């Protein structure tokens, strides 16, 4: 790429320069050439992107990140992790000197005193065959040359976002051939902004206009409810009109945007007239005629003049029923949306879950009739399904709070370790840690009373001191016996349960620190806040608090859900016991039908399907995964194929498993390190391992195949490497 092609004014972009300026750039250049009003725009071409990545050896580094394991086998969490690491490279590596000089010469003058929009324009997006709107990033109200270059890096990095990687095949996304152009535009702070579809995605004979007061960011990010007009495509007559409350508006902040309340007295000037709507749709139809097909157009209205911000073809691609990528992308929420979700979760949903579980736990199932029991089983199964739906609808999206903080932290701190942000999230109160403290209290009581420990080891529960026996029974009432977590599945006698084994194993060793002490949260917090602009520090403080809440719920949610499920299964078990003991007469079919409504316990072994037996010649000395908890550890492996196998776990072993379900985290205080087949920095096993300061590796695809219980292994949580040593090491 020649030097003069790195940065171009919009007027020099030709209609066929897609590979140079991307879809948005070429469309905007065509609109400007034909006399439509568009913002003043400079194109940072794909040549600048290629110059940056070649100068820093980024093609090879991106390839490495995308090939830690077969891409088709990467879960969504692992894709996000890979995208985060790639993004960190774009933010921290230097811009080549010649490109930096051109950027300063081109941008520092014309855009010095005005707000800009830094917008993606990848060649692969916004074509007639695939729109993929919203996959790449754009930033509104960016002021100053230095900030523009920072956001240029972020837009380049968004070529490798988790959203883009999910659609990698459709976008033809490869490190060797993919590139990103970027548009730097003068921001138009309109009184009203919106989108127009010249052909409705759901009705070919209609057009759609949506609009919000203020900046278009309110509509694009879902922060402001839009007003909507459905128009006849030929006559432009209004077929339907959905008014909006107009209670909020997105406006420019010092940097970026903010949402402010819109008092009723101020709302009237923001309402569009029929004349405005007619003007918008007629302009949009002219754009459609220019490009020869239906268009999706962003526009803004200021002082009665309409400025076109971008135009792209309308595309409708039906996703298959098992394609959940769109659902995954919907999990990425704005700060405002997450704050609203937090209020609902903490003030309403979690208290209601706890109340539901406690009410069911205190209910005497043995005293009710068979008919009443059948009805109670149905009710509990229904409650379990209700809370499972809440988990997917509210709890899973709320996990994005930790991710949002991680992205902001990396943007302002630019740390060498892209996961440094998790250090600020540890040592937060968690339900699983509270459960583990209960276990440690039981173990402490046994350490202080060796005779009680011996009685428990022999199964003589009646010989335990009254206080210890009461504590043990209270734990069982709240958490179950830990056979498969806290889901309440029957394990048999308490004396031979996983709980008793675990407490005895804990008691046989010195107390385990509940959380790591090496992290100086206050210093890290002050470093983060000092790096944020003064006017943004209140927001940054609130974001950190939101992230800690999100991080905590990422582990707590399954604990709360497990308690609900435990009580549903307790009712099913009561029904099963009555049937097995012949105590059911007239309502047998009713009870059996109610029991059948309870989903089977999900417990799918992995190692049994793929584990290499002793005669298999296939061996491995080193396995690669993703670093998820810093540190080094060496010890004997304990391969856990199903939760009940945790009963054999011993202090100092390396936990090797498919994934650490949050209902299994009671074993972590005994472990020296954690290794999981599943990947992700924010999955439950990684979260709890970091709380205890344990080395952790996730996303090791063949770990259940190549490691056997008893193998001596070394866990390198810094590099994400698992070394399998000789048996006699």
Foldseek 3Di string as FASTA:
>chain_A
DDLVLQKAWLCPDALPCCQWQADFSSLVSLCVVVPAFAFGKMKRTLVQQVQFCVVVVNQVVLVVLCVLDPVVPADLQSLQVSLLVSLLCLQPDDRDPSVVVVLCVVCCPPQAPFFKKKAKHWSLAQAQAHHLPPQFDIFGGQHHSVSSVLVVSRRFSSCSHSLVSLCCVSSVDHSVRTTIMIMIGGDDFFQKKWKKWLADPVHRQKIKIWMAGTDCCCVVQVVADIWMFIAGNPPRHTPDTDDGPNQWYWYQDNGTIDIDTQDPVRRVVSDDDPVLSVVVNVVLVVSCVVVVAIKIWIWGAHPNGIHTHGIGHDDDDDDDPPDCSVVVVVLQHDPVVLVVLVCCCPVPVLVVLVVLLVVLLPDDLVPDDPVVLLVVLLVLLVVLVVLVVCCSVRLSSNLCLLVVLLVLLCSLVSDPDSPPSVLLQFPDDAPLLVLLVLLLVLLVVCLVPVVQLVCLQVVNLVPHPPVSSVSVVVSCSQQNLQLFFRLQDDDPDSSLTLSSLLSSQCNVDPHADSFDDPRDNVVVLVVSLVSDDPVCSVVSVVSSVSSSVSLRSLLRSVSSSSSSSSSSVVSLVVLVVCVVVVVDDPCNVSSVVSSVSRDDDDWDFDLVVAADDPPDPDADFKFAFAQQAADKAKDFADEDRGSNSCSPDHAAHEYEYQAQRSSNLSCLSRYQEYEHCHDHNSHNVSSSCNRSRHTYGYNRNCRSHHHDGQFIWMGHSVRRMIGTDDSVD
